[in-house]
Protein backbone atom coordinates (compact mmCIF):
# COMPACT_ATOMS: atom_id res chain seq x y z
CA MET A 1 22.98 66.81 -127.46
CA ASP A 2 23.64 64.75 -124.34
CA ALA A 3 26.82 65.12 -122.33
CA GLU A 4 29.83 63.43 -123.83
CA ARG A 5 30.38 59.83 -122.80
CA TRP A 6 33.93 58.52 -123.02
CA PHE A 7 34.92 54.92 -123.77
CA TYR A 8 38.14 53.05 -124.50
CA PRO A 9 37.54 50.84 -127.55
CA ASP A 10 39.53 47.71 -128.19
CA THR A 11 41.35 48.00 -131.52
CA SER A 12 39.12 45.39 -133.15
CA TYR A 13 36.04 47.49 -132.35
CA ILE A 14 37.16 50.58 -134.28
CA TYR A 15 39.39 48.99 -136.93
CA GLY A 16 36.55 48.69 -139.47
CA GLY A 17 36.38 52.45 -140.03
CA PHE A 18 40.12 52.65 -140.66
CA LYS A 19 39.91 49.64 -142.99
CA LYS A 20 37.12 51.36 -144.93
CA ASP A 21 39.34 54.39 -145.36
CA ALA A 22 42.19 52.14 -146.51
CA LEU A 23 39.92 50.59 -149.14
CA ASP A 24 38.93 54.06 -150.33
CA PHE A 25 42.61 55.04 -150.44
CA LYS A 26 43.56 51.95 -152.45
CA LEU A 27 40.73 52.66 -154.89
CA LYS A 28 41.73 56.36 -154.96
CA ARG A 29 38.32 57.53 -153.76
CA LYS A 30 37.48 60.34 -151.41
CA PRO A 31 36.66 58.94 -147.93
CA ARG A 32 32.94 58.31 -147.64
CA LYS A 33 30.74 59.29 -144.73
CA LYS A 34 28.27 56.51 -145.48
CA PHE A 35 29.39 53.02 -146.41
CA LYS A 36 27.40 50.15 -147.84
CA GLY A 37 28.86 46.72 -147.40
CA LYS A 38 30.22 44.47 -144.69
CA ILE A 39 32.19 47.14 -142.85
CA LYS A 40 29.92 49.23 -140.64
CA ASP A 41 30.98 52.71 -139.65
CA HIS A 42 28.90 54.14 -136.82
CA ALA A 43 30.95 57.32 -136.36
CA GLN A 44 28.11 59.70 -137.29
CA GLU A 45 25.64 57.98 -134.95
CA PHE A 46 28.20 58.07 -132.13
CA MET A 47 28.85 61.78 -132.68
CA GLU A 48 25.15 62.58 -132.55
CA LYS A 49 24.77 60.68 -129.26
CA GLY A 50 27.81 62.23 -127.59
CA ILE A 51 29.92 59.06 -127.67
CA ARG A 52 33.66 59.69 -127.72
CA PHE A 53 36.53 57.23 -127.92
CA VAL A 54 39.92 57.51 -126.28
CA VAL A 55 42.63 56.05 -128.51
CA SER A 56 45.99 55.14 -127.03
CA GLU A 57 49.38 54.87 -128.68
CA LEU A 58 48.98 51.10 -128.42
CA THR A 59 45.71 51.26 -130.37
CA GLU A 60 47.40 53.47 -132.95
CA TYR A 61 50.19 50.91 -133.34
CA GLU A 62 47.76 48.02 -133.74
CA ILE A 63 45.67 49.86 -136.35
CA LYS A 64 48.68 50.90 -138.41
CA HIS A 65 50.19 47.43 -138.15
CA SER A 66 46.93 45.81 -139.30
CA LEU A 67 46.62 48.23 -142.22
CA MET A 68 50.16 47.38 -143.30
CA VAL A 69 49.80 43.61 -142.92
CA GLU A 70 46.18 43.07 -143.97
CA GLU A 71 45.85 45.82 -146.58
CA GLY A 72 49.42 45.83 -147.89
CA LEU A 73 50.01 49.50 -147.15
CA THR A 74 53.35 51.10 -146.43
CA PHE A 75 53.98 52.68 -143.05
CA PHE A 76 53.54 56.15 -144.56
CA GLN A 77 50.20 55.20 -146.16
CA ALA A 78 48.93 53.58 -142.95
CA ASN A 79 50.07 56.60 -140.95
CA LYS A 80 48.29 58.99 -143.33
CA ILE A 81 45.05 57.02 -143.15
CA PHE A 82 45.24 56.92 -139.36
CA GLN A 83 45.97 60.63 -139.01
CA ASP A 84 43.33 61.63 -141.59
CA ARG A 85 40.60 59.66 -139.84
CA MET A 86 41.61 60.94 -136.42
CA SER A 87 41.35 64.54 -137.62
CA ARG A 88 38.22 64.03 -139.77
CA ILE A 89 36.07 61.93 -137.44
CA HIS A 90 35.65 63.90 -134.25
CA ILE A 91 34.77 61.04 -131.93
CA TYR A 92 38.42 60.11 -131.37
CA THR A 93 40.82 61.65 -128.87
CA LYS A 94 44.35 60.34 -128.72
CA ILE A 95 45.99 60.02 -125.33
CA ARG A 96 49.49 59.23 -124.29
CA GLY A 97 48.68 56.84 -121.44
CA PHE A 98 50.92 54.02 -122.50
CA LYS A 99 54.02 55.59 -120.91
CA GLU A 100 52.48 55.14 -117.48
CA ILE A 101 52.10 51.38 -117.88
CA LYS A 102 55.32 49.79 -116.71
CA ILE A 103 56.30 46.26 -117.57
CA SER A 104 57.03 44.58 -114.27
CA ASN A 105 56.77 41.13 -112.76
CA ASP A 106 53.50 42.19 -111.13
CA VAL A 107 51.98 43.25 -114.47
CA LEU A 108 53.21 40.12 -116.24
CA ASN A 109 51.96 37.86 -113.46
CA TRP A 110 48.58 39.65 -113.42
CA ALA A 111 48.29 39.11 -117.21
CA LEU A 112 49.24 35.44 -116.82
CA GLU A 113 46.86 34.96 -113.90
CA HIS A 114 43.98 36.20 -116.09
CA LYS A 115 45.29 34.33 -119.17
CA LEU A 116 45.51 37.57 -121.14
CA GLU A 117 47.64 38.24 -124.16
CA LEU A 118 50.12 40.99 -123.28
CA LEU A 119 48.66 43.63 -125.63
CA ASP A 120 45.17 42.90 -124.28
CA ALA A 121 46.50 43.31 -120.74
CA PHE A 122 47.97 46.70 -121.65
CA HIS A 123 44.65 47.85 -123.13
CA ILE A 124 42.86 46.83 -119.95
CA LEU A 125 45.45 48.57 -117.78
CA ILE A 126 45.10 51.78 -119.80
CA ALA A 127 41.29 51.68 -119.51
CA THR A 128 41.64 50.99 -115.78
CA LYS A 129 44.01 53.93 -115.31
CA LEU A 130 41.53 56.19 -117.14
CA SER A 131 38.49 54.69 -115.34
CA LEU A 132 36.73 54.06 -118.66
CA PHE A 133 34.61 51.25 -119.96
CA ILE A 134 36.46 49.21 -122.54
CA ILE A 135 34.47 48.04 -125.57
CA THR A 136 35.54 44.86 -127.30
CA LYS A 137 34.43 42.53 -130.04
CA GLU A 138 35.93 39.64 -128.08
CA SER A 139 33.53 36.88 -127.19
CA GLY A 140 33.41 33.54 -125.41
CA ASN A 141 36.32 32.59 -123.16
CA ARG A 142 38.39 35.60 -124.19
CA PHE A 143 35.59 38.01 -123.21
CA GLU A 144 35.21 36.18 -119.88
CA ARG A 145 38.94 36.56 -119.19
CA TRP A 146 38.74 40.29 -119.97
CA SER A 147 35.70 40.68 -117.69
CA LYS A 148 37.45 38.91 -114.81
CA ALA A 149 40.50 41.13 -115.20
CA TYR A 150 38.46 44.36 -115.34
CA ASP A 151 34.85 44.81 -114.32
CA SER A 152 34.11 47.60 -116.82
CA VAL A 153 34.25 45.59 -120.05
CA LEU A 154 31.38 45.87 -122.53
CA SER A 155 30.77 43.52 -125.42
CA THR A 156 29.72 44.96 -128.76
CA ARG A 157 26.16 43.86 -128.03
CA GLN A 158 26.13 45.47 -124.58
CA PHE A 159 27.51 48.71 -126.01
CA GLN A 160 24.91 48.75 -128.82
CA GLU A 161 22.16 48.21 -126.22
CA PHE A 162 23.54 51.15 -124.23
CA ILE A 163 23.57 53.36 -127.34
CA SER A 164 20.06 52.36 -128.37
CA GLU A 165 18.79 53.55 -124.98
CA LEU A 166 20.22 57.03 -125.55
CA THR A 167 17.85 59.61 -126.97
């Protein structure tokens, strides 16, 4: 296997796998490794190619919040699904980098200057602090704003092209 390659995924990029697990949970099924349907789960492919994802506390919050709001889960159910997937799918490593991002006038002005939503700005700052590429499903103007704020932003398409070049 190749050396491990670390990336910081935007919440929207990895949410599908957690949503799949939530659907399995709601239908009282054992989590599946393979999934047929609209939600694609590339975890096995990523593992085989040495791809690893750093997940921040902010990402954890956004995933749990989305599971609660979109899937109607309780906090405890969303937390269980998150923790189960993190321990079962070995491409994720949780970091505690959010504490080092301080809300200040400089940070707020930087986010405003780049027309970023505050949570997006925090994700970019975390990826910057870790010197990692950030992968996002964002497109159009929003992707352009992300790219201007941080030069190591990959779209889903760019990331898939990178992966396809790996042996």
